[in-house]
Amino acid sequence: MHVVNETITHELVVSHKAVNGNLASDIEKDILKMAVIDKGHPNLRMAIGFVHGMGLKKGAIADSLIWDTSNIFVVGVDESDISYAVNRLIELQGGYVVVENGEILAEMPLPVCGITSDKSFEEIAYEIKKVELACTHLGFKPTRPYLVLQTISFTGLPFIRLTDKGLIDTKEGKMLNLIVD
């Protein structure tokens, strides 16, 4: 998936090599590992994909504010940071978590169904700003990280999205293979 802007994505086919059987992020090519986890599934069903255009150079970002599902989305450079961000997000019962080298740079708990805060508007605005600044610190390219992270898996927007079931072409209404010949 290639991020064109805050709400539009396109399919991108690239050559990407596995190392010891693992397809990892490649910051030189701006190819980052991402996942969507169905937090309501008893086994936390998950799909993995890759995204180009986010620009992260380090760390990971996880959130639970995907518009149509409120599932968990995570993207990152380092798989240990990816795992840490998701686990911290689960501890918070939802929200946003930005991690670098195993340390939390910013977090915004959304403990009410993973989509709502019990804090004041002023506190929420402050936390959103901290999350966005932390995303920028990691190298995030799009100008509105908070919006991109909410819409990256939203199937109501064109064209390519990652859901907990896999990559989907929303215009054609068909699933896509992550690995192509």
Protein backbone atom coordinates (compact mmCIF):
# COMPACT_ATOMS: atom_id res chain seq x y z
CA MET A 1 0.00 0.00 0.00
CA HIS A 2 1.25 3.48 -0.85
CA VAL A 3 -0.05 6.44 1.19
CA VAL A 4 -0.85 9.21 -1.32
CA ASN A 5 -2.24 11.64 1.26
CA GLU A 6 -4.12 11.56 4.56
CA THR A 7 -7.07 9.56 3.16
CA ILE A 8 -6.07 8.05 -0.20
CA THR A 9 -3.90 4.99 -0.80
CA HIS A 10 -2.86 3.07 -3.91
CA GLU A 11 -1.49 -0.36 -4.61
CA LEU A 12 2.28 -0.54 -4.85
CA VAL A 13 4.19 -3.64 -5.93
CA VAL A 14 7.82 -3.75 -4.80
CA SER A 15 10.57 -6.32 -4.54
CA HIS A 16 11.14 -7.12 -0.88
CA LYS A 17 13.42 -9.87 0.44
CA ALA A 18 12.82 -12.07 3.44
CA VAL A 19 15.58 -12.38 6.03
CA ASN A 20 15.55 -15.70 7.91
CA GLY A 21 11.99 -16.26 6.67
CA ASN A 22 10.75 -12.88 7.92
CA LEU A 23 9.62 -9.93 5.84
CA ALA A 24 10.67 -6.92 7.90
CA SER A 25 10.47 -3.16 7.47
CA ASP A 26 13.00 -1.51 5.15
CA ILE A 27 13.49 2.15 6.08
CA GLU A 28 15.80 2.75 3.12
CA LYS A 29 12.88 2.00 0.77
CA ASP A 30 10.28 3.48 3.17
CA ILE A 31 8.56 0.09 3.40
CA LEU A 32 7.08 -0.45 6.85
CA LYS A 33 5.42 -3.47 8.37
CA MET A 34 1.87 -2.87 9.50
CA ALA A 35 -0.86 -5.01 11.01
CA VAL A 36 -4.55 -4.83 11.81
CA ILE A 37 -5.75 -6.87 14.77
CA ASP A 38 -9.41 -7.71 15.37
CA LYS A 39 -9.58 -6.98 19.09
CA GLY A 40 -13.05 -8.55 19.31
CA HIS A 41 -11.96 -11.92 17.91
CA PRO A 42 -11.25 -14.52 20.62
CA ASN A 43 -7.83 -15.24 19.08
CA LEU A 44 -7.08 -11.61 18.12
CA ARG A 45 -7.22 -12.37 14.38
CA MET A 46 -4.54 -10.38 12.57
CA ALA A 47 -3.46 -9.50 9.04
CA ILE A 48 -0.05 -8.15 8.11
CA GLY A 49 0.84 -5.84 5.25
CA PHE A 50 3.39 -3.27 4.17
CA VAL A 51 3.01 0.44 3.63
CA HIS A 52 5.06 3.01 1.71
CA GLY A 53 4.84 6.76 2.23
CA MET A 54 4.69 7.06 6.02
CA GLY A 55 8.40 7.76 6.34
CA LEU A 56 9.08 6.32 9.79
CA LYS A 57 12.79 5.95 10.49
CA LYS A 58 12.42 4.36 13.93
CA GLY A 59 9.88 3.09 16.44
CA ALA A 60 6.24 2.12 16.10
CA ILE A 61 2.75 3.60 16.39
CA ALA A 62 -0.41 1.76 17.45
CA ASP A 63 -4.00 2.97 17.63
CA SER A 64 -7.55 1.70 18.09
CA LEU A 65 -9.49 4.50 16.43
CA ILE A 66 -10.01 2.96 12.98
CA TRP A 67 -13.21 4.56 11.73
CA ASP A 68 -15.35 1.57 10.77
CA THR A 69 -14.07 -1.19 13.06
CA SER A 70 -12.20 0.25 16.07
CA ASN A 71 -9.72 -2.59 15.62
CA ILE A 72 -6.04 -2.17 16.43
CA PHE A 73 -3.72 -0.77 13.78
CA VAL A 74 0.06 -0.77 14.19
CA VAL A 75 2.92 0.33 11.94
CA GLY A 76 6.59 0.40 12.66
CA VAL A 77 10.23 -0.10 11.88
CA ASP A 78 11.26 -2.39 14.72
CA GLU A 79 9.23 -5.51 15.51
CA SER A 80 9.94 -5.32 19.24
CA ASP A 81 8.60 -1.74 19.24
CA ILE A 82 5.59 -2.91 17.21
CA SER A 83 4.84 -5.59 19.80
CA TYR A 84 5.40 -3.22 22.71
CA ALA A 85 3.10 -0.56 21.23
CA VAL A 86 0.28 -3.08 20.71
CA ASN A 87 0.63 -4.56 24.19
CA ARG A 88 0.63 -1.11 25.77
CA LEU A 89 -2.43 -0.15 23.71
CA ILE A 90 -4.23 -3.24 25.05
CA GLU A 91 -3.24 -2.27 28.62
CA LEU A 92 -4.73 1.20 28.03
CA GLN A 93 -7.92 -0.41 26.65
CA GLY A 94 -7.43 1.54 23.44
CA GLY A 95 -6.12 4.86 22.20
CA TYR A 96 -2.76 5.78 20.68
CA VAL A 97 0.74 4.71 21.64
CA VAL A 98 4.00 5.93 20.09
CA VAL A 99 7.13 3.95 20.97
CA GLU A 100 10.84 4.28 20.24
CA ASN A 101 13.47 1.78 21.42
CA GLY A 102 11.11 0.21 23.94
CA GLU A 103 10.12 3.53 25.50
CA ILE A 104 6.79 5.31 25.26
CA LEU A 105 7.15 8.73 23.64
CA ALA A 106 3.45 9.57 23.81
CA GLU A 107 0.18 7.89 24.57
CA MET A 108 -3.45 8.84 24.56
CA PRO A 109 -5.71 6.43 26.42
CA LEU A 110 -9.21 5.92 25.00
CA PRO A 111 -10.59 3.51 27.62
CA VAL A 112 -14.26 3.76 26.63
CA CYS A 113 -14.59 1.04 23.98
CA GLY A 114 -11.14 2.00 22.68
CA ILE A 115 -12.57 5.05 20.92
CA THR A 116 -13.53 7.60 23.57
CA SER A 117 -11.80 9.38 26.42
CA ASP A 118 -13.18 10.34 29.78
CA LYS A 119 -10.94 13.44 29.88
CA SER A 120 -11.74 17.07 29.12
CA PHE A 121 -11.48 18.45 25.57
CA GLU A 122 -8.42 20.43 26.62
CA GLU A 123 -6.66 17.32 27.92
CA ILE A 124 -7.57 15.36 24.78
CA ALA A 125 -6.29 18.15 22.50
CA TYR A 126 -3.02 18.22 24.44
CA GLU A 127 -2.62 14.43 24.16
CA ILE A 128 -3.39 14.49 20.41
CA LYS A 129 -0.70 17.15 19.94
CA LYS A 130 1.81 15.04 21.91
CA VAL A 131 0.98 11.96 19.80
CA GLU A 132 1.38 13.90 16.55
CA LEU A 133 4.70 15.43 17.67
CA ALA A 134 5.98 11.98 18.64
CA CYS A 135 4.92 10.62 15.22
CA THR A 136 6.81 13.46 13.55
CA HIS A 137 9.84 12.70 15.73
CA LEU A 138 9.82 9.13 14.33
CA GLY A 139 9.86 10.56 10.79
CA PHE A 140 6.14 10.35 9.94
CA LYS A 141 5.72 12.13 6.57
CA PRO A 142 1.99 12.93 6.18
CA THR A 143 1.09 16.25 7.76
CA ARG A 144 -1.83 14.93 9.83
CA PRO A 145 -0.74 11.70 11.57
CA TYR A 146 -3.86 11.51 13.72
CA LEU A 147 -6.07 11.38 10.60
CA VAL A 148 -3.88 8.95 8.64
CA LEU A 149 -3.80 6.48 11.53
CA GLN A 150 -7.60 6.54 11.76
CA THR A 151 -8.23 6.07 8.04
CA ILE A 152 -5.42 3.72 6.95
CA SER A 153 -7.73 0.71 7.37
CA PHE A 154 -11.07 2.40 6.73
CA THR A 155 -12.71 0.49 3.88
CA GLY A 156 -14.97 3.41 2.95
CA LEU A 157 -12.06 5.22 1.27
CA PRO A 158 -10.15 4.36 -1.91
CA PHE A 159 -8.20 2.35 -2.88
CA ILE A 160 -6.12 -0.19 -0.94
CA ARG A 161 -6.74 -0.92 2.74
CA LEU A 162 -5.49 -3.44 5.27
CA THR A 163 -8.19 -5.08 7.35
CA ASP A 164 -7.98 -7.88 9.89
CA LYS A 165 -8.82 -10.23 7.01
CA GLY A 166 -6.03 -8.94 4.72
CA LEU A 167 -5.42 -6.39 1.97
CA ILE A 168 -8.49 -5.25 0.07
CA ASP A 169 -9.01 -3.19 -3.07
CA THR A 170 -12.04 -1.15 -2.00
CA LYS A 171 -12.88 0.03 -5.53
CA GLU A 172 -12.92 -3.48 -6.98
CA GLY A 173 -14.23 -5.08 -3.80
CA LYS A 174 -11.67 -7.87 -3.84
CA MET A 175 -8.98 -9.23 -1.59
CA LEU A 176 -5.37 -8.84 -2.69
CA ASN A 177 -2.44 -11.14 -2.10
CA LEU A 178 0.39 -9.72 -0.03
CA ILE A 179 2.91 -11.86 -1.93
CA VAL A 180 2.73 -11.75 -5.74
CA ASP A 181 4.86 -13.46 -8.38
